[in-house]
Amino acid sequence: MQYKDFMGQIQSRLELPELGRAVRATRAVLTTLGERLQAGEAQDLAGSLPMEVDYYLTSADSGQRFDYDEFVDRVAERANVNKSDAAYYGKVVVGLVSELISRGEVEDVRGQLTDDYQYLFALIDAEEVEEE
């Protein structure tokens, strides 16, 4: 997927009026995720994404330990939105990323996160239930 298509999908799924807000949401989520994942995992995840997007994952100071609430706080601050919107941004961005990577890679990412991050994967899990 090309960068423009990726951002268009984010803008549409988040129902944002401006592309700039979609970019800010994506950057906030992926930078924060990149901080939480180990460097190698962030690199693996970034490999399937458009070059302009993978930078958000790989430029972060990786390997930090923080819980889901801190994840949401960081996304909210970076995107300049409330915590509810930040949590939703996380679900949507991770949902789209998960469509572009293998199921095994999704599981590798989940394996590096604590159980409280289950909310980040809520859209993915809901799709799997519908398929069954």
Protein backbone atom coordinates (compact mmCIF):
# COMPACT_ATOMS: atom_id res chain seq x y z
CA MET A 1 0.00 0.00 0.00
CA GLN A 2 1.29 3.45 -0.87
CA TYR A 3 1.55 6.26 1.69
CA LYS A 4 -1.29 8.30 0.19
CA ASP A 5 -3.60 5.27 0.21
CA PHE A 6 -2.61 4.38 3.77
CA MET A 7 -3.35 7.88 5.04
CA GLY A 8 -6.56 8.02 3.03
CA GLN A 9 -7.70 4.83 4.74
CA ILE A 10 -6.87 6.25 8.17
CA GLN A 11 -8.65 9.52 7.39
CA SER A 12 -11.72 7.64 6.18
CA ARG A 13 -11.84 5.13 9.03
CA LEU A 14 -11.40 7.83 11.66
CA GLU A 15 -13.82 10.12 9.79
CA LEU A 16 -11.39 13.02 10.01
CA PRO A 17 -12.04 16.15 7.95
CA GLU A 18 -8.37 16.79 7.15
CA LEU A 19 -5.54 14.57 5.97
CA GLY A 20 -3.17 16.34 8.37
CA ARG A 21 -5.15 15.02 11.33
CA ALA A 22 -4.87 11.48 9.93
CA VAL A 23 -1.10 11.91 9.66
CA ARG A 24 -0.93 13.24 13.23
CA ALA A 25 -3.05 10.31 14.51
CA THR A 26 -0.90 7.76 12.68
CA ARG A 27 2.34 9.33 13.85
CA ALA A 28 1.09 9.45 17.46
CA VAL A 29 0.03 5.79 17.51
CA LEU A 30 2.98 4.30 15.66
CA THR A 31 5.62 6.38 17.47
CA THR A 32 4.16 5.30 20.79
CA LEU A 33 3.94 1.68 19.69
CA GLY A 34 7.53 1.90 18.48
CA GLU A 35 8.58 3.10 21.92
CA ARG A 36 6.88 0.11 23.56
CA LEU A 37 8.18 -2.63 21.24
CA GLN A 38 11.69 -4.01 21.18
CA ALA A 39 13.77 -2.49 18.36
CA GLY A 40 13.83 -5.68 16.28
CA GLU A 41 10.08 -6.10 16.47
CA ALA A 42 9.49 -2.48 15.49
CA GLN A 43 11.77 -3.01 12.48
CA ASP A 44 9.92 -6.20 11.49
CA LEU A 45 6.56 -4.47 11.76
CA ALA A 46 7.78 -1.45 9.81
CA GLY A 47 8.98 -3.57 6.91
CA SER A 48 5.47 -4.07 5.52
CA LEU A 49 4.43 -0.43 5.77
CA PRO A 50 4.96 2.53 3.46
CA MET A 51 8.40 4.07 3.99
CA GLU A 52 6.94 7.36 5.22
CA VAL A 53 4.94 5.49 7.86
CA ASP A 54 7.54 2.95 8.96
CA TYR A 55 9.75 5.82 10.12
CA TYR A 56 7.34 6.51 13.00
CA LEU A 57 7.94 3.01 14.37
CA THR A 58 11.68 2.89 13.88
CA SER A 59 12.63 6.40 14.99
CA ALA A 60 11.30 5.89 18.53
CA ASP A 61 13.40 5.05 21.57
CA SER A 62 12.28 1.41 21.64
CA GLY A 63 11.99 -1.11 24.43
CA GLN A 64 10.29 1.11 26.99
CA ARG A 65 7.99 -0.52 29.52
CA PHE A 66 4.64 1.16 30.05
CA ASP A 67 1.06 -0.04 30.34
CA TYR A 68 -1.88 0.56 28.04
CA ASP A 69 -3.08 3.59 30.00
CA GLU A 70 0.30 5.24 29.48
CA PHE A 71 0.12 4.28 25.80
CA VAL A 72 -3.21 6.10 25.50
CA ASP A 73 -1.88 9.11 27.44
CA ARG A 74 1.10 9.41 25.09
CA VAL A 75 -1.07 9.10 21.98
CA ALA A 76 -3.50 11.70 23.36
CA GLU A 77 -0.69 14.14 24.03
CA ARG A 78 0.97 13.61 20.65
CA ALA A 79 -2.27 13.81 18.66
CA ASN A 80 -3.70 16.60 20.83
CA VAL A 81 -6.94 14.70 21.47
CA ASN A 82 -8.76 13.35 24.52
CA LYS A 83 -8.06 9.87 25.88
CA SER A 84 -11.18 8.35 24.34
CA ASP A 85 -10.20 9.53 20.87
CA ALA A 86 -6.61 8.41 21.46
CA ALA A 87 -7.76 4.89 22.37
CA TYR A 88 -9.90 4.78 19.22
CA TYR A 89 -7.02 6.06 17.08
CA GLY A 90 -4.91 3.23 18.43
CA LYS A 91 -7.49 0.61 17.50
CA VAL A 92 -7.97 1.97 14.00
CA VAL A 93 -4.30 2.48 13.14
CA VAL A 94 -3.29 -0.91 14.54
CA GLY A 95 -6.27 -2.44 12.73
CA LEU A 96 -5.11 -1.11 9.36
CA VAL A 97 -1.49 -2.07 10.02
CA SER A 98 -2.68 -5.57 10.91
CA GLU A 99 -4.35 -5.87 7.51
CA LEU A 100 -0.98 -5.22 5.85
CA ILE A 101 1.13 -7.68 7.82
CA SER A 102 1.03 -11.41 8.35
CA ARG A 103 -1.00 -12.99 11.13
CA GLY A 104 2.28 -14.25 12.60
CA GLU A 105 3.64 -10.72 12.77
CA VAL A 106 0.46 -9.56 14.53
CA GLU A 107 1.00 -12.30 17.10
CA ASP A 108 4.66 -11.33 17.51
CA VAL A 109 3.61 -7.77 18.31
CA ARG A 110 0.93 -8.95 20.73
CA GLY A 111 3.48 -11.20 22.40
CA GLN A 112 5.56 -8.19 23.38
CA LEU A 113 2.64 -6.40 25.00
CA THR A 114 0.95 -7.03 28.32
CA ASP A 115 -2.66 -8.24 28.55
CA ASP A 116 -4.01 -4.73 29.12
CA TYR A 117 -3.16 -3.94 25.48
CA GLN A 118 -5.99 -6.25 24.35
CA TYR A 119 -8.09 -3.13 23.67
CA LEU A 120 -5.61 -2.09 20.99
CA PHE A 121 -6.52 -5.24 19.05
CA ALA A 122 -10.30 -5.04 19.57
CA LEU A 123 -11.10 -4.39 15.90
CA ILE A 124 -8.91 -7.28 14.77
CA ASP A 125 -10.46 -9.65 17.28
CA ALA A 126 -13.98 -8.57 16.27
CA GLU A 127 -13.22 -9.32 12.61
CA GLU A 128 -11.98 -12.79 13.51
CA VAL A 129 -15.20 -13.54 15.39
CA GLU A 130 -17.26 -12.45 12.36
CA GLU A 131 -15.26 -14.79 10.10
CA GLU A 132 -16.00 -17.82 12.27
